[in-house]
Amino acid sequence: MSTGEKFIQMLIAIAVFFAVVAVILLVTQRLRSRRGELIQSAAFVLPAIALICLGLLYPAVKTIWQSFHDRTGQAMVGLDNYQTIFTDSTQLLVLRNTAAWVILVPIMSTFIGLVYAVLVDRSRFEKFAKALVFLPMAISLVGASIIWKFVYDYRDSSNTQIGIANAIIKGLGFDTYKFILNDPWNTVFLIIVMIWVQAGFAMTILSASIKAIPEDIIEAARLDGVGGMKMFRYITVPSIRPSLIVVLTTISITTLKAFDIVRTMTGGNFDTSVLAYQFYREYFNSYDQGLATAIASLIFLLVMPIVIYNVRQMRKLEAR
């Protein structure tokens, strides 16, 4: 399809959108009563709901339904695909790696972001220091992976090193190390890349929350002799607890969907695959629709409790 044809399709889509809005306005403009306002609201809301059902709910239900079928999507196999996920040695390794990602990335990213936000708060170089940590957020995960792939680059100790990590190791007199080849530590080194990216996000949110702590609370604590670690433990952390929950849950959801780093740095090899990448492998490489959709459904089931908990915490915060 040429660029001109794509441009024409875009114009047609825009024209259709405005035509639908115009029809709704013309049909409902004469409705001035309370019932008329409800009809007018429904006229605008229902198309959006229909699109959500078509673009989100239908694919989700279809994916879950396919997860109970065989690799071709034809024969019903019940829970066999889910049994494979929790019994097959390869899939168990994927679950282990995913668990390591979900545990380490949110905790370490939030911890680093929180400590950094506290240390640079109201300092002379605060803006510059925050910009340095936030900068990785402006880089795509693929770009970050390529950067760290060079950092971890391995060459024999007798050769000139281009990887920063192995150049330091060689400079200290040790043999170079295969950072992204040796299991299980290669998974940890991939996790470091995600922490490097997400720490900036955590720092930004938590820094804003720290600045929102009322000054009278801080002053009262100082008058009571609270300072240093006690100020951090008993004043700062409890005051920003809602933000901590949001940061932890958001990073957890992002981590469960981790794909780019694994794909770019190892391609899922060397025992580094995670659920999101394993779904890609099973569906597009092994052509196993049943197992792939079961993995996708499992990711959905793991994300949902986090989302529900996050929504409940936000509602409690709004109710205060």
C-alpha atoms as a PDB file:
ATOM      1  CA  MET A   1       0.000   0.000   0.000  1.00  0.00           C
ATOM      2  CA  SER A   2       1.454   3.350  -1.070  1.00  0.00           C
ATOM      3  CA  THR A   3       1.782   6.426   1.132  1.00  0.00           C
ATOM      4  CA  GLY A   4      -0.933   8.177  -0.864  1.00  0.00           C
ATOM      5  CA  GLU A   5      -3.422   5.362  -0.286  1.00  0.00           C
ATOM      6  CA  LYS A   6      -2.676   5.357   3.453  1.00  0.00           C
ATOM      7  CA  PHE A   7      -3.206   9.131   3.552  1.00  0.00           C
ATOM      8  CA  ILE A   8      -6.565   8.760   1.783  1.00  0.00           C
ATOM      9  CA  GLN A   9      -7.634   6.058   4.264  1.00  0.00           C
ATOM     10  CA  MET A  10      -6.699   8.372   7.140  1.00  0.00           C
ATOM     11  CA  LEU A  11      -8.810  11.178   5.668  1.00  0.00           C
ATOM     12  CA  ILE A  12     -11.753   8.801   5.186  1.00  0.00           C
ATOM     13  CA  ALA A  13     -11.510   7.636   8.813  1.00  0.00           C
ATOM     14  CA  ILE A  14     -11.475  11.251  10.049  1.00  0.00           C
ATOM     15  CA  ALA A  15     -14.429  12.115   7.819  1.00  0.00           C
ATOM     16  CA  VAL A  16     -16.410   9.123   9.111  1.00  0.00           C
ATOM     17  CA  PHE A  17     -15.695  10.142  12.705  1.00  0.00           C
ATOM     18  CA  PHE A  18     -16.937  13.687  12.187  1.00  0.00           C
ATOM     19  CA  ALA A  19     -19.941  12.411  10.231  1.00  0.00           C
ATOM     20  CA  VAL A  20     -20.963  10.146  13.130  1.00  0.00           C
ATOM     21  CA  VAL A  21     -20.590  13.022  15.615  1.00  0.00           C
ATOM     22  CA  ALA A  22     -22.608  15.313  13.358  1.00  0.00           C
ATOM     23  CA  VAL A  23     -25.423  12.756  13.013  1.00  0.00           C
ATOM     24  CA  ILE A  24     -25.573  12.294  16.793  1.00  0.00           C
ATOM     25  CA  LEU A  25     -25.745  16.052  17.350  1.00  0.00           C
ATOM     26  CA  LEU A  26     -28.447  16.529  14.706  1.00  0.00           C
ATOM     27  CA  VAL A  27     -30.588  13.704  16.067  1.00  0.00           C
ATOM     28  CA  THR A  28     -30.300  14.726  19.719  1.00  0.00           C
ATOM     29  CA  GLN A  29     -30.177  18.539  19.525  1.00  0.00           C
ATOM     30  CA  ARG A  30     -33.934  18.848  19.907  1.00  0.00           C
ATOM     31  CA  LEU A  31     -34.001  16.792  23.101  1.00  0.00           C
ATOM     32  CA  ARG A  32     -34.048  19.349  25.916  1.00  0.00           C
ATOM     33  CA  SER A  33     -35.648  17.329  28.724  1.00  0.00           C
ATOM     34  CA  ARG A  34     -33.898  15.257  31.372  1.00  0.00           C
ATOM     35  CA  ARG A  35     -34.632  12.122  29.377  1.00  0.00           C
ATOM     36  CA  GLY A  36     -33.296  13.857  26.279  1.00  0.00           C
ATOM     37  CA  GLU A  37     -30.003  14.601  28.045  1.00  0.00           C
ATOM     38  CA  LEU A  38     -29.706  10.940  29.007  1.00  0.00           C
ATOM     39  CA  ILE A  39     -30.366   9.894  25.412  1.00  0.00           C
ATOM     40  CA  GLN A  40     -27.771  12.386  24.181  1.00  0.00           C
ATOM     41  CA  SER A  41     -25.197  11.107  26.677  1.00  0.00           C
ATOM     42  CA  ALA A  42     -25.924   7.519  25.696  1.00  0.00           C
ATOM     43  CA  ALA A  43     -25.551   8.409  22.032  1.00  0.00           C
ATOM     44  CA  PHE A  44     -21.963   9.500  22.660  1.00  0.00           C
ATOM     45  CA  VAL A  45     -21.049   6.833  25.214  1.00  0.00           C
ATOM     46  CA  LEU A  46     -22.464   3.741  23.481  1.00  0.00           C
ATOM     47  CA  PRO A  47     -20.147   3.921  20.414  1.00  0.00           C
ATOM     48  CA  ALA A  48     -17.158   4.119  22.768  1.00  0.00           C
ATOM     49  CA  ILE A  49     -18.443   1.146  24.771  1.00  0.00           C
ATOM     50  CA  ALA A  50     -19.015  -0.778  21.559  1.00  0.00           C
ATOM     51  CA  LEU A  51     -15.430  -0.104  20.443  1.00  0.00           C
ATOM     52  CA  ILE A  52     -14.086  -1.182  23.846  1.00  0.00           C
ATOM     53  CA  CYS A  53     -16.062  -4.415  23.631  1.00  0.00           C
ATOM     54  CA  LEU A  54     -14.847  -5.004  20.080  1.00  0.00           C
ATOM     55  CA  GLY A  55     -11.219  -4.057  20.664  1.00  0.00           C
ATOM     56  CA  LEU A  56     -10.657  -5.299  24.246  1.00  0.00           C
ATOM     57  CA  LEU A  57     -13.326  -7.615  25.643  1.00  0.00           C
ATOM     58  CA  TYR A  58     -13.852  -9.754  22.555  1.00  0.00           C
ATOM     59  CA  PRO A  59     -10.121 -10.466  21.999  1.00  0.00           C
ATOM     60  CA  ALA A  60      -9.704 -11.215  25.735  1.00  0.00           C
ATOM     61  CA  VAL A  61     -12.599 -13.690  25.786  1.00  0.00           C
ATOM     62  CA  LYS A  62     -11.447 -15.286  22.534  1.00  0.00           C
ATOM     63  CA  THR A  63      -7.891 -15.676  23.878  1.00  0.00           C
ATOM     64  CA  ILE A  64      -9.128 -17.382  27.049  1.00  0.00           C
ATOM     65  CA  TRP A  65     -11.386 -19.654  24.966  1.00  0.00           C
ATOM     66  CA  GLN A  66      -8.504 -20.619  22.668  1.00  0.00           C
ATOM     67  CA  SER A  67      -6.341 -21.503  25.673  1.00  0.00           C
ATOM     68  CA  PHE A  68      -8.535 -24.577  26.197  1.00  0.00           C
ATOM     69  CA  HIS A  69      -7.793 -25.867  22.684  1.00  0.00           C
ATOM     70  CA  ASP A  70      -4.873 -27.699  21.098  1.00  0.00           C
ATOM     71  CA  ARG A  71      -1.977 -26.148  19.171  1.00  0.00           C
ATOM     72  CA  THR A  72      -4.115 -25.753  16.037  1.00  0.00           C
ATOM     73  CA  GLY A  73      -7.005 -24.137  17.923  1.00  0.00           C
ATOM     74  CA  GLN A  74      -9.423 -26.830  16.750  1.00  0.00           C
ATOM     75  CA  ALA A  75      -9.760 -29.606  19.354  1.00  0.00           C
ATOM     76  CA  MET A  76     -10.772 -28.947  22.956  1.00  0.00           C
ATOM     77  CA  VAL A  77      -8.091 -30.123  25.441  1.00  0.00           C
ATOM     78  CA  GLY A  78      -9.394 -28.607  28.672  1.00  0.00           C
ATOM     79  CA  LEU A  79      -6.695 -27.558  31.145  1.00  0.00           C
ATOM     80  CA  ASP A  80      -3.862 -29.415  29.404  1.00  0.00           C
ATOM     81  CA  ASN A  81      -2.128 -26.221  28.299  1.00  0.00           C
ATOM     82  CA  TYR A  82      -2.199 -24.793  31.817  1.00  0.00           C
ATOM     83  CA  GLN A  83      -0.905 -28.112  33.147  1.00  0.00           C
ATOM     84  CA  THR A  84       1.986 -27.859  30.698  1.00  0.00           C
ATOM     85  CA  ILE A  85       2.866 -24.397  31.983  1.00  0.00           C
ATOM     86  CA  PHE A  86       3.188 -25.682  35.547  1.00  0.00           C
ATOM     87  CA  THR A  87       4.812 -29.063  34.819  1.00  0.00           C
ATOM     88  CA  ASP A  88       7.049 -28.722  31.751  1.00  0.00           C
ATOM     89  CA  SER A  89      10.686 -28.004  32.690  1.00  0.00           C
ATOM     90  CA  THR A  90      11.056 -25.242  30.083  1.00  0.00           C
ATOM     91  CA  GLN A  91       7.885 -23.492  31.199  1.00  0.00           C
ATOM     92  CA  LEU A  92       8.858 -23.838  34.876  1.00  0.00           C
ATOM     93  CA  LEU A  93      12.126 -22.089  34.075  1.00  0.00           C
ATOM     94  CA  VAL A  94      10.142 -19.294  32.423  1.00  0.00           C
ATOM     95  CA  LEU A  95       7.965 -18.999  35.541  1.00  0.00           C
ATOM     96  CA  ARG A  96      11.086 -18.857  37.727  1.00  0.00           C
ATOM     97  CA  ASN A  97      12.563 -16.069  35.626  1.00  0.00           C
ATOM     98  CA  THR A  98       9.286 -14.154  35.609  1.00  0.00           C
ATOM     99  CA  ALA A  99       9.026 -14.451  39.402  1.00  0.00           C
ATOM    100  CA  ALA A 100      12.554 -13.062  39.748  1.00  0.00           C
ATOM    101  CA  TRP A 101      11.640 -10.119  37.497  1.00  0.00           C
ATOM    102  CA  VAL A 102       8.379  -9.365  39.330  1.00  0.00           C
ATOM    103  CA  ILE A 103      10.018  -9.535  42.770  1.00  0.00           C
ATOM    104  CA  LEU A 104      13.278  -7.698  42.096  1.00  0.00           C
ATOM    105  CA  VAL A 105      12.339  -4.983  39.603  1.00  0.00           C
ATOM    106  CA  PRO A 106       9.476  -3.267  41.515  1.00  0.00           C
ATOM    107  CA  ILE A 107      11.210  -3.502  44.902  1.00  0.00           C
ATOM    108  CA  MET A 108      14.642  -2.342  43.744  1.00  0.00           C
ATOM    109  CA  SER A 109      13.319   0.357  41.380  1.00  0.00           C
ATOM    110  CA  THR A 110      11.058   1.789  44.083  1.00  0.00           C
ATOM    111  CA  PHE A 111      13.783   1.576  46.749  1.00  0.00           C
ATOM    112  CA  ILE A 112      16.386   3.297  44.562  1.00  0.00           C
ATOM    113  CA  GLY A 113      13.893   5.941  43.412  1.00  0.00           C
ATOM    114  CA  LEU A 114      12.748   6.636  46.982  1.00  0.00           C
ATOM    115  CA  VAL A 115      16.237   6.884  48.481  1.00  0.00           C
ATOM    116  CA  TYR A 116      17.438   9.045  45.606  1.00  0.00           C
ATOM    117  CA  ALA A 117      14.411  11.349  45.872  1.00  0.00           C
ATOM    118  CA  VAL A 118      15.032  11.816  49.614  1.00  0.00           C
ATOM    119  CA  LEU A 119      18.773  12.447  49.184  1.00  0.00           C
ATOM    120  CA  VAL A 120      18.463  15.104  46.469  1.00  0.00           C
ATOM    121  CA  ASP A 121      15.320  16.766  47.869  1.00  0.00           C
ATOM    122  CA  ARG A 122      15.829  20.534  48.186  1.00  0.00           C
ATOM    123  CA  SER A 123      19.514  20.265  47.331  1.00  0.00           C
ATOM    124  CA  ARG A 124      21.296  22.808  45.117  1.00  0.00           C
ATOM    125  CA  PHE A 125      21.754  20.343  42.269  1.00  0.00           C
ATOM    126  CA  GLU A 126      18.288  18.728  42.619  1.00  0.00           C
ATOM    127  CA  LYS A 127      17.089  19.415  39.075  1.00  0.00           C
ATOM    128  CA  PHE A 128      20.299  18.178  37.464  1.00  0.00           C
ATOM    129  CA  ALA A 129      20.440  15.074  39.665  1.00  0.00           C
ATOM    130  CA  LYS A 130      16.828  14.178  38.897  1.00  0.00           C
ATOM    131  CA  ALA A 131      17.359  14.708  35.183  1.00  0.00           C
ATOM    132  CA  LEU A 132      20.228  12.198  35.200  1.00  0.00           C
ATOM    133  CA  VAL A 133      18.106   9.473  36.789  1.00  0.00           C
ATOM    134  CA  PHE A 134      15.003  10.265  34.718  1.00  0.00           C
ATOM    135  CA  LEU A 135      16.946  10.289  31.430  1.00  0.00           C
ATOM    136  CA  PRO A 136      16.665   6.478  30.859  1.00  0.00           C
ATOM    137  CA  MET A 137      12.860   6.874  30.858  1.00  0.00           C
ATOM    138  CA  ALA A 138      13.222   8.866  27.634  1.00  0.00           C
ATOM    139  CA  ILE A 139      14.968   5.912  25.988  1.00  0.00           C
ATOM    140  CA  SER A 140      12.998   3.020  24.539  1.00  0.00           C
ATOM    141  CA  LEU A 141      13.549  -0.371  26.144  1.00  0.00           C
ATOM    142  CA  VAL A 142      15.131  -1.549  22.902  1.00  0.00           C
ATOM    143  CA  GLY A 143      17.552   1.387  23.001  1.00  0.00           C
ATOM    144  CA  ALA A 144      18.335   0.731  26.660  1.00  0.00           C
ATOM    145  CA  SER A 145      18.932  -2.950  25.854  1.00  0.00           C
ATOM    146  CA  ILE A 146      21.394  -2.103  23.094  1.00  0.00           C
ATOM    147  CA  ILE A 147      23.268   0.252  25.446  1.00  0.00           C
ATOM    148  CA  TRP A 148      23.555  -2.410  28.127  1.00  0.00           C
ATOM    149  CA  LYS A 149      24.434  -5.074  25.579  1.00  0.00           C
ATOM    150  CA  PHE A 150      27.569  -3.066  24.898  1.00  0.00           C
ATOM    151  CA  VAL A 151      28.136  -2.648  28.644  1.00  0.00           C
ATOM    152  CA  TYR A 152      27.988  -6.446  29.101  1.00  0.00           C
ATOM    153  CA  ASP A 153      29.927  -7.265  25.919  1.00  0.00           C
ATOM    154  CA  TYR A 154      32.242 -10.244  26.386  1.00  0.00           C
ATOM    155  CA  ARG A 155      35.652 -10.853  24.876  1.00  0.00           C
ATOM    156  CA  ASP A 156      38.432 -13.129  25.991  1.00  0.00           C
ATOM    157  CA  SER A 157      40.741 -11.622  28.614  1.00  0.00           C
ATOM    158  CA  SER A 158      43.597 -11.554  26.098  1.00  0.00           C
ATOM    159  CA  ASN A 159      41.652  -9.220  23.792  1.00  0.00           C
ATOM    160  CA  THR A 160      40.864  -5.510  24.016  1.00  0.00           C
ATOM    161  CA  GLN A 161      37.533  -5.013  25.782  1.00  0.00           C
ATOM    162  CA  ILE A 162      34.757  -2.779  24.429  1.00  0.00           C
ATOM    163  CA  GLY A 163      32.319  -3.659  27.214  1.00  0.00           C
ATOM    164  CA  ILE A 164      32.623  -1.327  30.196  1.00  0.00           C
ATOM    165  CA  ALA A 165      31.883  -4.056  32.746  1.00  0.00           C
ATOM    166  CA  ASN A 166      34.527  -6.457  31.440  1.00  0.00           C
ATOM    167  CA  ALA A 167      37.011  -3.620  30.914  1.00  0.00           C
ATOM    168  CA  ILE A 168      36.719  -2.823  34.631  1.00  0.00           C
ATOM    169  CA  ILE A 169      37.028  -6.499  35.576  1.00  0.00           C
ATOM    170  CA  LYS A 170      40.117  -6.901  33.384  1.00  0.00           C
ATOM    171  CA  GLY A 171      41.586  -3.699  34.808  1.00  0.00           C
ATOM    172  CA  LEU A 172      41.249  -5.171  38.301  1.00  0.00           C
ATOM    173  CA  GLY A 173      43.191  -8.237  37.193  1.00  0.00           C
ATOM    174  CA  PHE A 174      40.335 -10.751  36.900  1.00  0.00           C
ATOM    175  CA  ASP A 175      39.176 -12.863  33.949  1.00  0.00           C
ATOM    176  CA  THR A 176      36.354 -11.435  31.863  1.00  0.00           C
ATOM    177  CA  TYR A 177      32.831 -12.710  32.504  1.00  0.00           C
ATOM    178  CA  LYS A 178      29.992 -13.747  30.181  1.00  0.00           C
ATOM    179  CA  PHE A 179      27.304 -11.561  31.729  1.00  0.00           C
ATOM    180  CA  ILE A 180      24.393 -12.479  29.462  1.00  0.00           C
ATOM    181  CA  LEU A 181      25.399 -16.075  28.759  1.00  0.00           C
ATOM    182  CA  ASN A 182      25.849 -17.684  32.185  1.00  0.00           C
ATOM    183  CA  ASP A 183      22.658 -18.916  33.848  1.00  0.00           C
ATOM    184  CA  PRO A 184      21.119 -17.970  36.280  1.00  0.00           C
ATOM    185  CA  TRP A 185      22.947 -14.681  36.827  1.00  0.00           C
ATOM    186  CA  ASN A 186      22.276 -13.543  33.253  1.00  0.00           C
ATOM    187  CA  THR A 187      18.627 -13.061  34.244  1.00  0.00           C
ATOM    188  CA  VAL A 188      19.739 -10.789  37.078  1.00  0.00           C
ATOM    189  CA  PHE A 189      21.853  -8.732  34.683  1.00  0.00           C
ATOM    190  CA  LEU A 190      18.832  -8.329  32.376  1.00  0.00           C
ATOM    191  CA  ILE A 191      16.750  -7.268  35.374  1.00  0.00           C
ATOM    192  CA  ILE A 192      19.295  -4.526  36.110  1.00  0.00           C
ATOM    193  CA  VAL A 193      18.434  -2.930  32.755  1.00  0.00           C
ATOM    194  CA  MET A 194      14.749  -2.692  33.689  1.00  0.00           C
ATOM    195  CA  ILE A 195      15.633  -1.305  37.133  1.00  0.00           C
ATOM    196  CA  TRP A 196      17.839   1.306  35.455  1.00  0.00           C
ATOM    197  CA  VAL A 197      14.869   2.437  33.361  1.00  0.00           C
ATOM    198  CA  GLN A 198      12.127   2.243  36.002  1.00  0.00           C
ATOM    199  CA  ALA A 199      14.072   3.914  38.845  1.00  0.00           C
ATOM    200  CA  GLY A 200      13.587   7.278  37.131  1.00  0.00           C
ATOM    201  CA  PHE A 201       9.827   6.790  37.032  1.00  0.00           C
ATOM    202  CA  ALA A 202       9.752   5.841  40.725  1.00  0.00           C
ATOM    203  CA  MET A 203      11.941   8.792  41.666  1.00  0.00           C
ATOM    204  CA  THR A 204       9.727  11.289  39.825  1.00  0.00           C
ATOM    205  CA  ILE A 205       6.453  10.135  41.411  1.00  0.00           C
ATOM    206  CA  LEU A 206       7.883   9.741  44.910  1.00  0.00           C
ATOM    207  CA  SER A 207       9.737  13.050  44.777  1.00  0.00           C
ATOM    208  CA  ALA A 208       6.485  14.851  43.994  1.00  0.00           C
ATOM    209  CA  SER A 209       4.813  13.066  46.925  1.00  0.00           C
ATOM    210  CA  ILE A 210       7.624  14.002  49.295  1.00  0.00           C
ATOM    211  CA  LYS A 211       7.297  17.660  48.347  1.00  0.00           C
ATOM    212  CA  ALA A 212       3.535  17.418  49.028  1.00  0.00           C
ATOM    213  CA  ILE A 213       4.089  16.440  52.684  1.00  0.00           C
ATOM    214  CA  PRO A 214       2.752  19.372  54.781  1.00  0.00           C
ATOM    215  CA  GLU A 215       5.524  21.488  56.291  1.00  0.00           C
ATOM    216  CA  ASP A 216       3.754  21.631  59.662  1.00  0.00           C
ATOM    217  CA  ILE A 217       4.079  17.824  59.999  1.00  0.00           C
ATOM    218  CA  ILE A 218       7.799  17.996  59.289  1.00  0.00           C
ATOM    219  CA  GLU A 219       8.311  20.926  61.660  1.00  0.00           C
ATOM    220  CA  ALA A 220       6.360  19.200  64.428  1.00  0.00           C
ATOM    221  CA  ALA A 221       8.491  16.095  64.015  1.00  0.00           C
ATOM    222  CA  ARG A 222      11.689  18.104  64.197  1.00  0.00           C
ATOM    223  CA  LEU A 223      10.508  19.855  67.369  1.00  0.00           C
ATOM    224  CA  ASP A 224       9.955  16.397  68.866  1.00  0.00           C
ATOM    225  CA  GLY A 225      13.552  15.525  68.072  1.00  0.00           C
ATOM    226  CA  VAL A 226      12.810  13.314  65.064  1.00  0.00           C
ATOM    227  CA  GLY A 227      15.454  13.422  62.364  1.00  0.00           C
ATOM    228  CA  GLY A 228      17.549  11.346  59.991  1.00  0.00           C
ATOM    229  CA  MET A 229      16.377   7.755  59.633  1.00  0.00           C
ATOM    230  CA  LYS A 230      13.530   8.231  62.107  1.00  0.00           C
ATOM    231  CA  MET A 231      12.152  11.095  59.966  1.00  0.00           C
ATOM    232  CA  PHE A 232      12.380   8.844  56.906  1.00  0.00           C
ATOM    233  CA  ARG A 233      10.783   5.847  58.653  1.00  0.00           C
ATOM    234  CA  TYR A 234       8.027   7.465  60.704  1.00  0.00           C
ATOM    235  CA  ILE A 235       7.160  10.592  58.680  1.00  0.00           C
ATOM    236  CA  THR A 236       8.235  10.338  55.040  1.00  0.00           C
ATOM    237  CA  VAL A 237       7.297   6.711  54.244  1.00  0.00           C
ATOM    238  CA  PRO A 238       3.839   6.728  55.956  1.00  0.00           C
ATOM    239  CA  SER A 239       3.000  10.073  54.322  1.00  0.00           C
ATOM    240  CA  ILE A 240       3.739   8.842  50.804  1.00  0.00           C
ATOM    241  CA  ARG A 241       2.332   5.316  51.236  1.00  0.00           C
ATOM    242  CA  PRO A 242      -0.378   5.732  48.524  1.00  0.00           C
ATOM    243  CA  SER A 243       2.261   6.841  46.025  1.00  0.00           C
ATOM    244  CA  LEU A 244       4.493   3.930  46.983  1.00  0.00           C
ATOM    245  CA  ILE A 245       1.637   1.521  46.261  1.00  0.00           C
ATOM    246  CA  VAL A 246       0.954   3.134  42.878  1.00  0.00           C
ATOM    247  CA  VAL A 247       4.633   2.983  41.914  1.00  0.00           C
ATOM    248  CA  LEU A 248       5.046  -0.630  43.036  1.00  0.00           C
ATOM    249  CA  THR A 249       1.908  -1.854  41.277  1.00  0.00           C
ATOM    250  CA  THR A 250       2.589   0.089  38.081  1.00  0.00           C
ATOM    251  CA  ILE A 251       6.140  -1.224  37.798  1.00  0.00           C
ATOM    252  CA  SER A 252       4.887  -4.747  38.615  1.00  0.00           C
ATOM    253  CA  ILE A 253       2.432  -4.627  35.707  1.00  0.00           C
ATOM    254  CA  THR A 254       5.141  -3.282  33.375  1.00  0.00           C
ATOM    255  CA  THR A 255       7.510  -6.033  34.490  1.00  0.00           C
ATOM    256  CA  LEU A 256       4.968  -8.806  33.890  1.00  0.00           C
ATOM    257  CA  LYS A 257       4.784  -7.619  30.284  1.00  0.00           C
ATOM    258  CA  ALA A 258       8.581  -7.409  29.876  1.00  0.00           C
ATOM    259  CA  PHE A 259       9.495  -8.372  26.327  1.00  0.00           C
ATOM    260  CA  ASP A 260      11.843  -5.884  24.655  1.00  0.00           C
ATOM    261  CA  ILE A 261      14.870  -6.416  26.903  1.00  0.00           C
ATOM    262  CA  VAL A 262      14.793 -10.213  26.627  1.00  0.00           C
ATOM    263  CA  ARG A 263      14.162 -10.082  22.883  1.00  0.00           C
ATOM    264  CA  THR A 264      16.964  -7.597  22.188  1.00  0.00           C
ATOM    265  CA  MET A 265      19.683  -8.890  24.507  1.00  0.00           C
ATOM    266  CA  THR A 266      19.334 -12.682  24.444  1.00  0.00           C
ATOM    267  CA  GLY A 267      16.371 -13.602  22.249  1.00  0.00           C
ATOM    268  CA  GLY A 268      15.138 -15.722  25.144  1.00  0.00           C
ATOM    269  CA  ASN A 269      18.176 -17.985  24.875  1.00  0.00           C
ATOM    270  CA  PHE A 270      20.534 -19.029  27.691  1.00  0.00           C
ATOM    271  CA  ASP A 271      17.552 -19.709  29.980  1.00  0.00           C
ATOM    272  CA  THR A 272      16.414 -16.057  30.117  1.00  0.00           C
ATOM    273  CA  SER A 273      12.898 -16.256  28.669  1.00  0.00           C
ATOM    274  CA  VAL A 274       9.946 -14.757  30.567  1.00  0.00           C
ATOM    275  CA  LEU A 275       6.183 -15.179  30.165  1.00  0.00           C
ATOM    276  CA  ALA A 276       5.628 -12.342  27.697  1.00  0.00           C
ATOM    277  CA  TYR A 277       8.476 -13.504  25.460  1.00  0.00           C
ATOM    278  CA  GLN A 278       7.504 -17.156  25.803  1.00  0.00           C
ATOM    279  CA  PHE A 279       4.054 -16.268  24.480  1.00  0.00           C
ATOM    280  CA  TYR A 280       5.733 -14.791  21.400  1.00  0.00           C
ATOM    281  CA  ARG A 281       7.889 -17.883  20.982  1.00  0.00           C
ATOM    282  CA  GLU A 282       5.046 -20.354  21.292  1.00  0.00           C
ATOM    283  CA  TYR A 283       2.692 -18.468  18.989  1.00  0.00           C
ATOM    284  CA  PHE A 284       4.992 -17.218  16.230  1.00  0.00           C
ATOM    285  CA  ASN A 285       7.864 -19.736  16.336  1.00  0.00           C
ATOM    286  CA  SER A 286       6.304 -22.993  17.529  1.00  0.00           C
ATOM    287  CA  TYR A 287       2.823 -22.182  16.152  1.00  0.00           C
ATOM    288  CA  ASP A 288       1.240 -23.600  19.315  1.00  0.00           C
ATOM    289  CA  GLN A 289      -1.887 -21.468  19.617  1.00  0.00           C
ATOM    290  CA  GLY A 290      -3.232 -23.316  22.647  1.00  0.00           C
ATOM    291  CA  LEU A 291      -0.136 -22.998  24.828  1.00  0.00           C
ATOM    292  CA  ALA A 292       0.547 -19.436  23.670  1.00  0.00           C
ATOM    293  CA  THR A 293      -2.951 -18.236  24.542  1.00  0.00           C
ATOM    294  CA  ALA A 294      -2.751 -20.062  27.877  1.00  0.00           C
ATOM    295  CA  ILE A 295       0.407 -18.093  28.676  1.00  0.00           C
ATOM    296  CA  ALA A 296      -1.319 -14.861  27.606  1.00  0.00           C
ATOM    297  CA  SER A 297      -4.305 -15.723  29.814  1.00  0.00           C
ATOM    298  CA  LEU A 298      -1.963 -16.414  32.736  1.00  0.00           C
ATOM    299  CA  ILE A 299      -0.361 -12.990  32.324  1.00  0.00           C
ATOM    300  CA  PHE A 300      -3.860 -11.476  32.299  1.00  0.00           C
ATOM    301  CA  LEU A 301      -4.787 -13.344  35.489  1.00  0.00           C
ATOM    302  CA  LEU A 302      -1.591 -12.190  37.208  1.00  0.00           C
ATOM    303  CA  VAL A 303      -2.115  -8.563  36.222  1.00  0.00           C
ATOM    304  CA  MET A 304      -5.775  -8.324  37.230  1.00  0.00           C
ATOM    305  CA  PRO A 305      -5.332  -8.603  41.047  1.00  0.00           C
ATOM    306  CA  ILE A 306      -2.664  -5.881  40.906  1.00  0.00           C
ATOM    307  CA  VAL A 307      -4.948  -3.604  38.900  1.00  0.00           C
ATOM    308  CA  ILE A 308      -7.915  -4.223  41.222  1.00  0.00           C
ATOM    309  CA  TYR A 309      -5.795  -3.545  44.307  1.00  0.00           C
ATOM    310  CA  ASN A 310      -4.435  -0.359  42.739  1.00  0.00           C
ATOM    311  CA  VAL A 311      -7.940   0.890  41.892  1.00  0.00           C
ATOM    312  CA  ARG A 312      -9.160   0.200  45.441  1.00  0.00           C
ATOM    313  CA  GLN A 313      -6.228   2.085  46.937  1.00  0.00           C
ATOM    314  CA  MET A 314      -6.887   5.055  44.645  1.00  0.00           C
ATOM    315  CA  ARG A 315     -10.558   5.096  45.687  1.00  0.00           C
ATOM    316  CA  LYS A 316      -9.575   5.071  49.368  1.00  0.00           C
ATOM    317  CA  LEU A 317      -7.239   7.975  48.706  1.00  0.00           C
ATOM    318  CA  GLU A 318      -9.963   9.951  46.918  1.00  0.00           C
ATOM    319  CA  ALA A 319     -12.404   9.273  49.780  1.00  0.00           C
ATOM    320  CA  ARG A 320     -10.130  10.919  52.339  1.00  0.00           C
END
